C-alpha atoms as a PDB file:
ATOM      1  CA  MET A   1     -14.152  40.481   7.972  1.00  0.00           C
ATOM      2  CA  ASN A   2     -16.555  38.378   5.876  1.00  0.00           C
ATOM      3  CA  LYS A   3     -13.782  35.923   5.063  1.00  0.00           C
ATOM      4  CA  GLU A   4     -13.119  35.373   8.770  1.00  0.00           C
ATOM      5  CA  ILE A   5     -16.805  34.745   9.446  1.00  0.00           C
ATOM      6  CA  ILE A   6     -16.848  32.112   6.701  1.00  0.00           C
ATOM      7  CA  HIS A   7     -13.722  30.463   8.156  1.00  0.00           C
ATOM      8  CA  LEU A   8     -15.290  30.431  11.618  1.00  0.00           C
ATOM      9  CA  ALA A   9     -18.555  29.013  10.262  1.00  0.00           C
ATOM     10  CA  VAL A  10     -16.642  26.222   8.494  1.00  0.00           C
ATOM     11  CA  CYS A  11     -14.734  25.417  11.706  1.00  0.00           C
ATOM     12  CA  VAL A  12     -17.935  25.322  13.766  1.00  0.00           C
ATOM     13  CA  ALA A  13     -19.676  23.141  11.152  1.00  0.00           C
ATOM     14  CA  LEU A  14     -16.681  20.783  11.118  1.00  0.00           C
ATOM     15  CA  PHE A  15     -16.736  20.662  14.927  1.00  0.00           C
ATOM     16  CA  ILE A  16     -20.447  19.797  14.970  1.00  0.00           C
ATOM     17  CA  LEU A  17     -20.011  17.107  12.307  1.00  0.00           C
ATOM     18  CA  LEU A  18     -17.016  15.511  14.048  1.00  0.00           C
ATOM     19  CA  ARG A  19     -18.729  15.683  17.437  1.00  0.00           C
ATOM     20  CA  TYR A  20     -21.774  13.927  15.996  1.00  0.00           C
ATOM     21  CA  LEU A  21     -19.612  11.253  14.353  1.00  0.00           C
ATOM     22  CA  PHE A  22     -17.643  10.780  17.573  1.00  0.00           C
ATOM     23  CA  GLY A  23     -20.877   9.877  19.345  1.00  0.00           C
ATOM     24  CA  VAL A  24     -22.166   7.577  16.602  1.00  0.00           C
ATOM     25  CA  VAL A  25     -19.166   5.472  15.573  1.00  0.00           C
ATOM     26  CA  PRO A  26     -18.533   2.208  17.418  1.00  0.00           C
ATOM     27  CA  VAL A  27     -15.865   2.023  20.107  1.00  0.00           C
ATOM     28  CA  GLU A  28     -13.719  -0.144  17.821  1.00  0.00           C
ATOM     29  CA  ALA A  29     -13.302   2.798  15.422  1.00  0.00           C
ATOM     30  CA  LEU A  30     -11.924   4.953  18.253  1.00  0.00           C
ATOM     31  CA  ASP A  31      -9.094   2.570  19.078  1.00  0.00           C
ATOM     32  CA  PHE A  32      -6.550   5.154  17.852  1.00  0.00           C
ATOM     33  CA  LEU A  33      -7.641   7.318  20.818  1.00  0.00           C
ATOM     34  CA  LEU A  34      -8.361   4.566  23.340  1.00  0.00           C
ATOM     35  CA  PHE A  35      -5.165   2.556  22.881  1.00  0.00           C
ATOM     36  CA  PRO A  36      -2.692   5.248  24.079  1.00  0.00           C
ATOM     37  CA  VAL A  37      -4.897   6.106  27.064  1.00  0.00           C
ATOM     38  CA  SER A  38      -5.179   2.424  27.931  1.00  0.00           C
ATOM     39  CA  LYS A  39      -1.410   1.935  27.749  1.00  0.00           C
ATOM     40  CA  LEU A  40      -0.819   4.975  29.958  1.00  0.00           C
ATOM     41  CA  VAL A  41      -3.321   3.746  32.558  1.00  0.00           C
ATOM     42  CA  GLY A  42      -1.841   0.256  32.445  1.00  0.00           C
ATOM     43  CA  PHE A  43       1.682   1.599  32.890  1.00  0.00           C
ATOM     44  CA  CYS A  44       0.830   3.982  35.732  1.00  0.00           C
ATOM     45  CA  LEU A  45      -1.318   1.514  37.657  1.00  0.00           C
ATOM     46  CA  ASN A  46       0.677  -1.607  36.729  1.00  0.00           C
ATOM     47  CA  SER A  47      -2.460  -3.412  35.630  1.00  0.00           C
ATOM     48  CA  PRO A  48      -3.080  -5.187  32.316  1.00  0.00           C
ATOM     49  CA  GLY A  49      -6.157  -4.225  30.349  1.00  0.00           C
ATOM     50  CA  ARG A  50      -7.960  -6.113  27.622  1.00  0.00           C
ATOM     51  CA  PHE A  51     -10.120  -4.824  24.804  1.00  0.00           C
ATOM     52  CA  VAL A  52     -13.796  -5.801  24.892  1.00  0.00           C
ATOM     53  CA  GLU A  53     -15.831  -5.102  21.753  1.00  0.00           C
ATOM     54  CA  GLY A  54     -18.565  -2.569  22.340  1.00  0.00           C
ATOM     55  CA  ALA A  55     -17.144  -1.437  25.686  1.00  0.00           C
ATOM     56  CA  GLY A  56     -13.482  -0.453  25.396  1.00  0.00           C
ATOM     57  CA  TYR A  57     -10.469  -1.431  27.495  1.00  0.00           C
ATOM     58  CA  VAL A  58     -11.449  -3.251  30.683  1.00  0.00           C
ATOM     59  CA  TYR A  59      -9.298  -3.419  33.813  1.00  0.00           C
ATOM     60  CA  GLU A  60     -10.997  -6.106  35.872  1.00  0.00           C
ATOM     61  CA  GLY A  61      -8.645  -5.808  38.867  1.00  0.00           C
ATOM     62  CA  LEU A  62      -9.368  -2.084  39.133  1.00  0.00           C
ATOM     63  CA  GLN A  63     -13.008  -2.383  38.030  1.00  0.00           C
ATOM     64  CA  ILE A  64     -12.705   0.406  35.447  1.00  0.00           C
ATOM     65  CA  ILE A  65     -13.403   0.681  31.726  1.00  0.00           C
ATOM     66  CA  ILE A  66     -11.597   3.070  29.380  1.00  0.00           C
ATOM     67  CA  GLU A  67     -14.314   3.900  26.857  1.00  0.00           C
ATOM     68  CA  ARG A  68     -15.220   6.691  24.436  1.00  0.00           C
ATOM     69  CA  SER A  69     -15.790   9.346  27.103  1.00  0.00           C
ATOM     70  CA  CYS A  70     -12.258   8.747  28.442  1.00  0.00           C
ATOM     71  CA  ALA A  71     -10.566   8.781  25.038  1.00  0.00           C
ATOM     72  CA  GLY A  72      -9.881  12.512  24.786  1.00  0.00           C
ATOM     73  CA  GLY A  73     -11.876  13.044  21.603  1.00  0.00           C
ATOM     74  CA  ASN A  74     -13.975  15.829  23.092  1.00  0.00           C
ATOM     75  CA  PHE A  75     -10.810  17.534  24.327  1.00  0.00           C
ATOM     76  CA  LEU A  76      -9.262  17.356  20.851  1.00  0.00           C
ATOM     77  CA  LEU A  77     -12.391  18.774  19.209  1.00  0.00           C
ATOM     78  CA  ILE A  78     -12.720  21.628  21.697  1.00  0.00           C
ATOM     79  CA  SER A  79      -9.001  22.378  21.355  1.00  0.00           C
ATOM     80  CA  PHE A  80      -9.407  22.511  17.574  1.00  0.00           C
ATOM     81  CA  LEU A  81     -12.325  24.919  17.859  1.00  0.00           C
ATOM     82  CA  MET A  82     -10.568  27.184  20.362  1.00  0.00           C
ATOM     83  CA  THR A  83      -7.350  27.263  18.319  1.00  0.00           C
ATOM     84  CA  SER A  84      -9.327  28.113  15.175  1.00  0.00           C
ATOM     85  CA  TRP A  85     -11.122  30.897  17.042  1.00  0.00           C
ATOM     86  CA  PHE A  86      -7.810  32.253  18.348  1.00  0.00           C
ATOM     87  CA  PHE A  87      -6.186  32.426  14.895  1.00  0.00           C
ATOM     88  CA  ILE A  88      -9.257  33.965  13.264  1.00  0.00           C
ATOM     89  CA  TYR A  89      -9.672  36.514  16.080  1.00  0.00           C
ATOM     90  CA  GLU A  90      -5.962  37.409  15.935  1.00  0.00           C
ATOM     91  CA  LYS A  91      -6.222  37.957  12.176  1.00  0.00           C
ATOM     92  CA  VAL A  92      -9.204  40.285  12.709  1.00  0.00           C
ATOM     93  CA  LEU A  93      -7.315  42.267  15.365  1.00  0.00           C
ATOM     94  CA  ARG A  94      -4.264  42.664  13.118  1.00  0.00           C
ATOM     95  CA  SER A  95      -6.377  43.984  10.273  1.00  0.00           C
ATOM     96  CA  CYS A  96      -7.865  46.753  12.452  1.00  0.00           C
END
C-alpha cells in the first residue's frame, strides 16, 4: 500500500509541475499542441489561419484565436492523472 501512495504522490507532483509549466511557457513552445488543433479547425471551417507570436493561430475571417487554453494541454494532463489513479487503484484492489 505504501508503494502505491508513493506512486500516486509522484504522479500528482508531476501533474502540478507540468500544469505550472504549461501556464508559464510562451505560446511558441506549445506549437506541438496548437498546430494540430489549428489544422483541424482550418480544415473543418475551410479557413486559413496564421501564427502570431505571443497569441497563437489567428483566423481573421472567423475572428477567433487558437491559443494555449484551446490546445488540449489541460485535457492531456488530467487524462494522465486519471489514468495513473485508475492503474494504482486497480493494483490496490487486486492485492486485497
